[in-house]
N, C-alpha and C. Protein backbone atom coordinates (compact mmCIF):
# COMPACT_ATOMS: atom_id res chain seq x y z
N UNK A 1 -17.80 -18.66 -11.40
CA UNK A 1 -17.49 -20.02 -11.00
C UNK A 1 -18.73 -20.71 -10.44
N UNK A 2 -19.47 -20.01 -9.63
CA UNK A 2 -20.65 -20.61 -9.03
C UNK A 2 -21.67 -20.95 -10.11
N UNK A 3 -21.80 -20.06 -11.08
CA UNK A 3 -22.78 -20.27 -12.13
C UNK A 3 -22.42 -21.44 -13.03
N UNK A 4 -21.15 -21.77 -13.10
CA UNK A 4 -20.70 -22.87 -13.96
C UNK A 4 -20.87 -24.22 -13.30
N UNK A 5 -21.32 -24.27 -12.07
CA UNK A 5 -21.52 -25.55 -11.38
C UNK A 5 -20.24 -26.19 -10.90
N UNK A 6 -19.21 -25.39 -10.67
CA UNK A 6 -17.93 -25.94 -10.23
C UNK A 6 -18.01 -26.46 -8.80
N UNK A 7 -18.73 -25.73 -7.94
CA UNK A 7 -18.84 -26.12 -6.54
C UNK A 7 -20.14 -26.88 -6.30
N UNK A 8 -20.04 -27.93 -5.52
CA UNK A 8 -21.23 -28.71 -5.19
C UNK A 8 -22.07 -27.95 -4.17
N UNK A 9 -23.40 -28.16 -4.16
CA UNK A 9 -24.27 -27.43 -3.23
C UNK A 9 -23.89 -27.61 -1.77
N UNK A 10 -23.39 -28.79 -1.38
CA UNK A 10 -23.00 -29.02 0.02
C UNK A 10 -21.89 -28.06 0.45
N UNK A 11 -20.98 -27.78 -0.46
CA UNK A 11 -19.91 -26.83 -0.16
C UNK A 11 -20.46 -25.41 -0.07
N UNK A 12 -21.28 -25.03 -1.02
CA UNK A 12 -21.84 -23.67 -1.05
C UNK A 12 -22.72 -23.40 0.16
N UNK A 13 -23.41 -24.40 0.67
CA UNK A 13 -24.29 -24.21 1.82
C UNK A 13 -23.53 -23.94 3.11
N UNK A 14 -22.23 -24.12 3.10
CA UNK A 14 -21.41 -23.82 4.29
C UNK A 14 -21.20 -22.31 4.46
N UNK A 15 -21.50 -21.54 3.43
CA UNK A 15 -21.34 -20.09 3.48
C UNK A 15 -22.68 -19.43 3.74
N UNK A 16 -22.67 -18.41 4.60
CA UNK A 16 -23.92 -17.71 4.90
C UNK A 16 -24.20 -16.63 3.86
N UNK A 17 -23.20 -16.27 3.10
CA UNK A 17 -23.40 -15.27 2.07
C UNK A 17 -22.18 -15.21 1.17
N UNK A 18 -22.39 -14.67 0.02
CA UNK A 18 -21.30 -14.52 -0.94
C UNK A 18 -21.14 -13.04 -1.23
N UNK A 19 -19.92 -12.56 -1.13
CA UNK A 19 -19.63 -11.16 -1.37
C UNK A 19 -18.73 -11.07 -2.60
N UNK A 20 -19.15 -10.30 -3.56
CA UNK A 20 -18.35 -10.09 -4.76
C UNK A 20 -17.61 -8.76 -4.63
N UNK A 21 -16.35 -8.76 -5.00
CA UNK A 21 -15.53 -7.56 -4.91
C UNK A 21 -15.15 -7.11 -6.30
N UNK A 22 -15.13 -5.81 -6.49
CA UNK A 22 -14.63 -5.24 -7.73
C UNK A 22 -13.13 -5.01 -7.56
N UNK A 23 -12.41 -5.18 -8.62
CA UNK A 23 -10.97 -4.90 -8.59
C UNK A 23 -10.75 -3.41 -8.35
N UNK A 24 -9.66 -3.10 -7.68
CA UNK A 24 -9.31 -1.71 -7.46
C UNK A 24 -8.78 -1.10 -8.75
N UNK A 25 -9.20 0.09 -9.04
CA UNK A 25 -8.69 0.82 -10.19
C UNK A 25 -7.49 1.65 -9.79
N UNK A 26 -6.89 2.30 -10.77
CA UNK A 26 -5.71 3.11 -10.50
C UNK A 26 -6.00 4.25 -9.52
N UNK A 27 -7.19 4.83 -9.61
CA UNK A 27 -7.56 5.92 -8.70
C UNK A 27 -7.65 5.42 -7.27
N UNK A 28 -8.24 4.23 -7.08
CA UNK A 28 -8.34 3.65 -5.75
C UNK A 28 -6.97 3.32 -5.18
N UNK A 29 -6.13 2.76 -6.01
CA UNK A 29 -4.78 2.39 -5.56
C UNK A 29 -3.99 3.64 -5.18
N UNK A 30 -4.17 4.70 -5.94
CA UNK A 30 -3.47 5.96 -5.60
C UNK A 30 -3.94 6.48 -4.25
N UNK A 31 -5.23 6.41 -3.99
CA UNK A 31 -5.77 6.89 -2.71
C UNK A 31 -5.28 6.03 -1.55
N UNK A 32 -5.27 4.71 -1.73
CA UNK A 32 -4.77 3.81 -0.70
C UNK A 32 -3.29 4.10 -0.43
N UNK A 33 -2.54 4.32 -1.50
CA UNK A 33 -1.12 4.64 -1.37
C UNK A 33 -0.93 5.93 -0.59
N UNK A 34 -1.71 6.94 -0.92
CA UNK A 34 -1.62 8.22 -0.21
C UNK A 34 -1.89 8.04 1.28
N UNK A 35 -2.91 7.28 1.61
CA UNK A 35 -3.24 7.04 3.03
C UNK A 35 -2.13 6.28 3.74
N UNK A 36 -1.55 5.29 3.07
CA UNK A 36 -0.46 4.52 3.67
C UNK A 36 0.77 5.39 3.88
N UNK A 37 1.08 6.25 2.92
CA UNK A 37 2.24 7.14 3.06
C UNK A 37 2.03 8.16 4.18
N UNK A 38 0.83 8.69 4.30
CA UNK A 38 0.54 9.65 5.36
C UNK A 38 0.65 8.97 6.73
N UNK A 39 0.13 7.76 6.82
CA UNK A 39 0.23 7.02 8.09
C UNK A 39 1.70 6.75 8.44
N UNK A 40 2.48 6.33 7.44
CA UNK A 40 3.91 6.09 7.67
C UNK A 40 4.63 7.38 8.06
N UNK A 41 4.31 8.47 7.36
CA UNK A 41 4.92 9.77 7.65
C UNK A 41 4.66 10.18 9.10
N UNK A 42 3.41 10.05 9.53
CA UNK A 42 3.04 10.44 10.89
C UNK A 42 3.75 9.58 11.93
N UNK A 43 3.82 8.28 11.66
CA UNK A 43 4.48 7.36 12.59
C UNK A 43 5.98 7.65 12.65
N UNK A 44 6.59 7.94 11.50
CA UNK A 44 8.01 8.25 11.44
C UNK A 44 8.33 9.51 12.23
N UNK A 45 7.49 10.52 12.10
CA UNK A 45 7.73 11.76 12.84
C UNK A 45 7.55 11.53 14.34
N UNK A 46 6.53 10.77 14.69
CA UNK A 46 6.27 10.52 16.11
C UNK A 46 7.40 9.72 16.76
N UNK A 47 7.91 8.73 16.05
CA UNK A 47 8.95 7.86 16.61
C UNK A 47 10.36 8.43 16.49
N UNK A 48 10.67 9.04 15.33
CA UNK A 48 12.05 9.44 15.06
C UNK A 48 12.25 10.93 14.83
N UNK A 49 11.16 11.69 14.84
CA UNK A 49 11.22 13.14 14.59
C UNK A 49 11.79 13.46 13.21
N UNK A 50 11.56 12.56 12.26
CA UNK A 50 11.97 12.77 10.87
C UNK A 50 10.73 13.11 10.07
N UNK A 51 10.81 14.21 9.33
CA UNK A 51 9.66 14.65 8.52
C UNK A 51 9.81 14.11 7.10
N UNK A 52 8.96 13.20 6.73
CA UNK A 52 8.93 12.67 5.37
C UNK A 52 8.00 13.54 4.54
N UNK A 53 8.52 14.09 3.45
CA UNK A 53 7.70 14.91 2.58
C UNK A 53 6.95 14.00 1.60
N UNK A 54 5.64 13.95 1.75
CA UNK A 54 4.81 13.13 0.88
C UNK A 54 4.32 14.00 -0.27
N UNK A 55 4.95 13.84 -1.42
CA UNK A 55 4.63 14.64 -2.59
C UNK A 55 3.75 13.83 -3.55
N UNK A 56 3.13 14.53 -4.49
CA UNK A 56 2.34 13.85 -5.51
C UNK A 56 3.22 12.90 -6.32
N UNK A 57 4.45 13.31 -6.57
CA UNK A 57 5.38 12.46 -7.33
C UNK A 57 5.66 11.16 -6.59
N UNK A 58 5.84 11.23 -5.27
CA UNK A 58 6.09 10.03 -4.48
C UNK A 58 4.85 9.14 -4.47
N UNK A 59 3.70 9.73 -4.27
CA UNK A 59 2.45 8.95 -4.28
C UNK A 59 2.29 8.24 -5.61
N UNK A 60 2.51 8.96 -6.71
CA UNK A 60 2.37 8.37 -8.03
C UNK A 60 3.38 7.25 -8.26
N UNK A 61 4.61 7.45 -7.80
CA UNK A 61 5.65 6.44 -7.99
C UNK A 61 5.32 5.15 -7.25
N UNK A 62 4.91 5.27 -5.98
CA UNK A 62 4.58 4.09 -5.20
C UNK A 62 3.31 3.43 -5.73
N UNK A 63 2.31 4.24 -6.07
CA UNK A 63 1.05 3.70 -6.60
C UNK A 63 1.29 2.97 -7.91
N UNK A 64 2.12 3.53 -8.76
CA UNK A 64 2.41 2.90 -10.04
C UNK A 64 3.13 1.56 -9.84
N UNK A 65 4.10 1.55 -8.95
CA UNK A 65 4.83 0.31 -8.67
C UNK A 65 3.96 -0.72 -7.96
N UNK A 66 2.97 -0.24 -7.20
CA UNK A 66 2.13 -1.14 -6.43
C UNK A 66 0.80 -1.48 -7.07
N UNK A 67 0.59 -1.04 -8.31
CA UNK A 67 -0.69 -1.30 -8.97
C UNK A 67 -0.69 -2.67 -9.63
N UNK A 68 -1.61 -3.51 -9.20
CA UNK A 68 -1.80 -4.82 -9.81
C UNK A 68 -3.27 -5.16 -9.71
N UNK A 69 -4.00 -5.12 -10.84
CA UNK A 69 -5.44 -5.34 -10.79
C UNK A 69 -5.81 -6.72 -10.23
N UNK A 70 -4.92 -7.68 -10.36
CA UNK A 70 -5.21 -9.03 -9.88
C UNK A 70 -5.09 -9.15 -8.37
N UNK A 71 -4.12 -8.49 -7.77
CA UNK A 71 -3.85 -8.64 -6.35
C UNK A 71 -4.33 -7.48 -5.49
N UNK A 72 -4.94 -6.47 -6.07
CA UNK A 72 -5.48 -5.36 -5.30
C UNK A 72 -4.40 -4.52 -4.65
N UNK A 73 -4.57 -4.21 -3.37
CA UNK A 73 -3.68 -3.30 -2.66
C UNK A 73 -2.46 -3.99 -2.05
N UNK A 74 -2.39 -5.31 -2.10
CA UNK A 74 -1.27 -6.00 -1.47
C UNK A 74 0.09 -5.56 -1.98
N UNK A 75 0.28 -5.39 -3.29
CA UNK A 75 1.61 -4.98 -3.78
C UNK A 75 2.04 -3.58 -3.35
N UNK A 76 1.10 -2.77 -2.88
CA UNK A 76 1.47 -1.42 -2.43
C UNK A 76 2.43 -1.50 -1.26
N UNK A 77 2.18 -2.41 -0.35
CA UNK A 77 3.05 -2.56 0.83
C UNK A 77 4.48 -2.88 0.40
N UNK A 78 4.61 -3.78 -0.55
CA UNK A 78 5.94 -4.14 -1.05
C UNK A 78 6.61 -2.94 -1.72
N UNK A 79 5.84 -2.19 -2.50
CA UNK A 79 6.37 -1.00 -3.16
C UNK A 79 6.79 0.05 -2.13
N UNK A 80 6.01 0.18 -1.07
CA UNK A 80 6.36 1.12 0.02
C UNK A 80 7.69 0.73 0.65
N UNK A 81 7.88 -0.56 0.89
CA UNK A 81 9.12 -1.02 1.50
C UNK A 81 10.30 -0.72 0.60
N UNK A 82 10.17 -1.04 -0.70
CA UNK A 82 11.28 -0.87 -1.63
C UNK A 82 11.61 0.60 -1.91
N UNK A 83 10.58 1.41 -2.08
CA UNK A 83 10.78 2.79 -2.50
C UNK A 83 10.97 3.75 -1.34
N UNK A 84 10.24 3.54 -0.26
CA UNK A 84 10.24 4.52 0.84
C UNK A 84 10.98 4.00 2.08
N UNK A 85 10.53 2.89 2.62
CA UNK A 85 11.06 2.44 3.91
C UNK A 85 12.55 2.12 3.86
N UNK A 86 13.02 1.55 2.76
CA UNK A 86 14.45 1.26 2.65
C UNK A 86 15.28 2.55 2.63
N UNK A 87 14.78 3.59 1.95
CA UNK A 87 15.50 4.87 1.91
C UNK A 87 15.48 5.54 3.28
N UNK A 88 14.38 5.41 4.00
CA UNK A 88 14.31 5.96 5.35
C UNK A 88 15.30 5.22 6.25
N UNK A 89 15.35 3.91 6.12
CA UNK A 89 16.30 3.12 6.92
C UNK A 89 17.74 3.54 6.63
N UNK A 90 18.07 3.73 5.35
CA UNK A 90 19.41 4.20 4.99
C UNK A 90 19.69 5.57 5.60
N UNK A 91 18.70 6.44 5.57
CA UNK A 91 18.83 7.79 6.14
C UNK A 91 19.15 7.71 7.63
N UNK A 92 18.48 6.81 8.33
CA UNK A 92 18.70 6.65 9.77
C UNK A 92 20.06 6.00 10.03
N UNK A 93 20.42 4.99 9.23
CA UNK A 93 21.71 4.31 9.40
C UNK A 93 22.87 5.27 9.19
N UNK A 94 22.69 6.25 8.31
CA UNK A 94 23.73 7.25 8.06
C UNK A 94 23.92 8.19 9.25
N UNK A 95 23.09 8.03 10.28
CA UNK A 95 23.26 8.84 11.48
C UNK A 95 22.30 10.00 11.61
N UNK A 96 21.38 10.13 10.68
CA UNK A 96 20.40 11.22 10.76
C UNK A 96 19.31 10.85 11.76
N UNK A 97 19.13 11.73 12.72
CA UNK A 97 18.11 11.45 13.74
C UNK A 97 16.93 12.40 13.68
N UNK A 98 17.05 13.44 12.88
CA UNK A 98 15.96 14.40 12.71
C UNK A 98 16.09 14.98 11.31
N UNK A 99 15.21 15.89 10.98
CA UNK A 99 15.31 16.58 9.71
C UNK A 99 14.20 16.22 8.76
N UNK A 100 14.35 16.72 7.54
CA UNK A 100 13.36 16.47 6.50
C UNK A 100 13.94 15.52 5.47
N UNK A 101 13.10 14.65 4.98
CA UNK A 101 13.53 13.69 3.98
C UNK A 101 12.54 13.73 2.81
N UNK A 102 13.09 13.97 1.62
CA UNK A 102 12.26 13.99 0.41
C UNK A 102 12.76 12.87 -0.49
N UNK A 103 11.86 11.99 -0.84
CA UNK A 103 12.20 10.84 -1.69
C UNK A 103 11.63 11.09 -3.07
N UNK A 104 12.46 10.99 -4.07
CA UNK A 104 12.02 11.20 -5.45
C UNK A 104 11.83 9.90 -6.18
């Protein structure tokens, strides 16, 4: 965009630098997903004493649902809510206060 002359120099001079970002690939999204699931798992155990089993299948499922090259890692959070957090909430609403939970 900058090379095409879309922005006037007065606008561009308001920035001290320009940072270009590469889109996240599937490998990056999988790693981000894994880190988010581990963080959620640890928080869930600390708060509710519920052990969430973070399997490769779960990581792949959330990463696949949350992969969008255009929006980066943002859709992962939505996928986490739909696939993991809602099932954990149902588990708690059913009266479970401890134990192990495996989400497929």
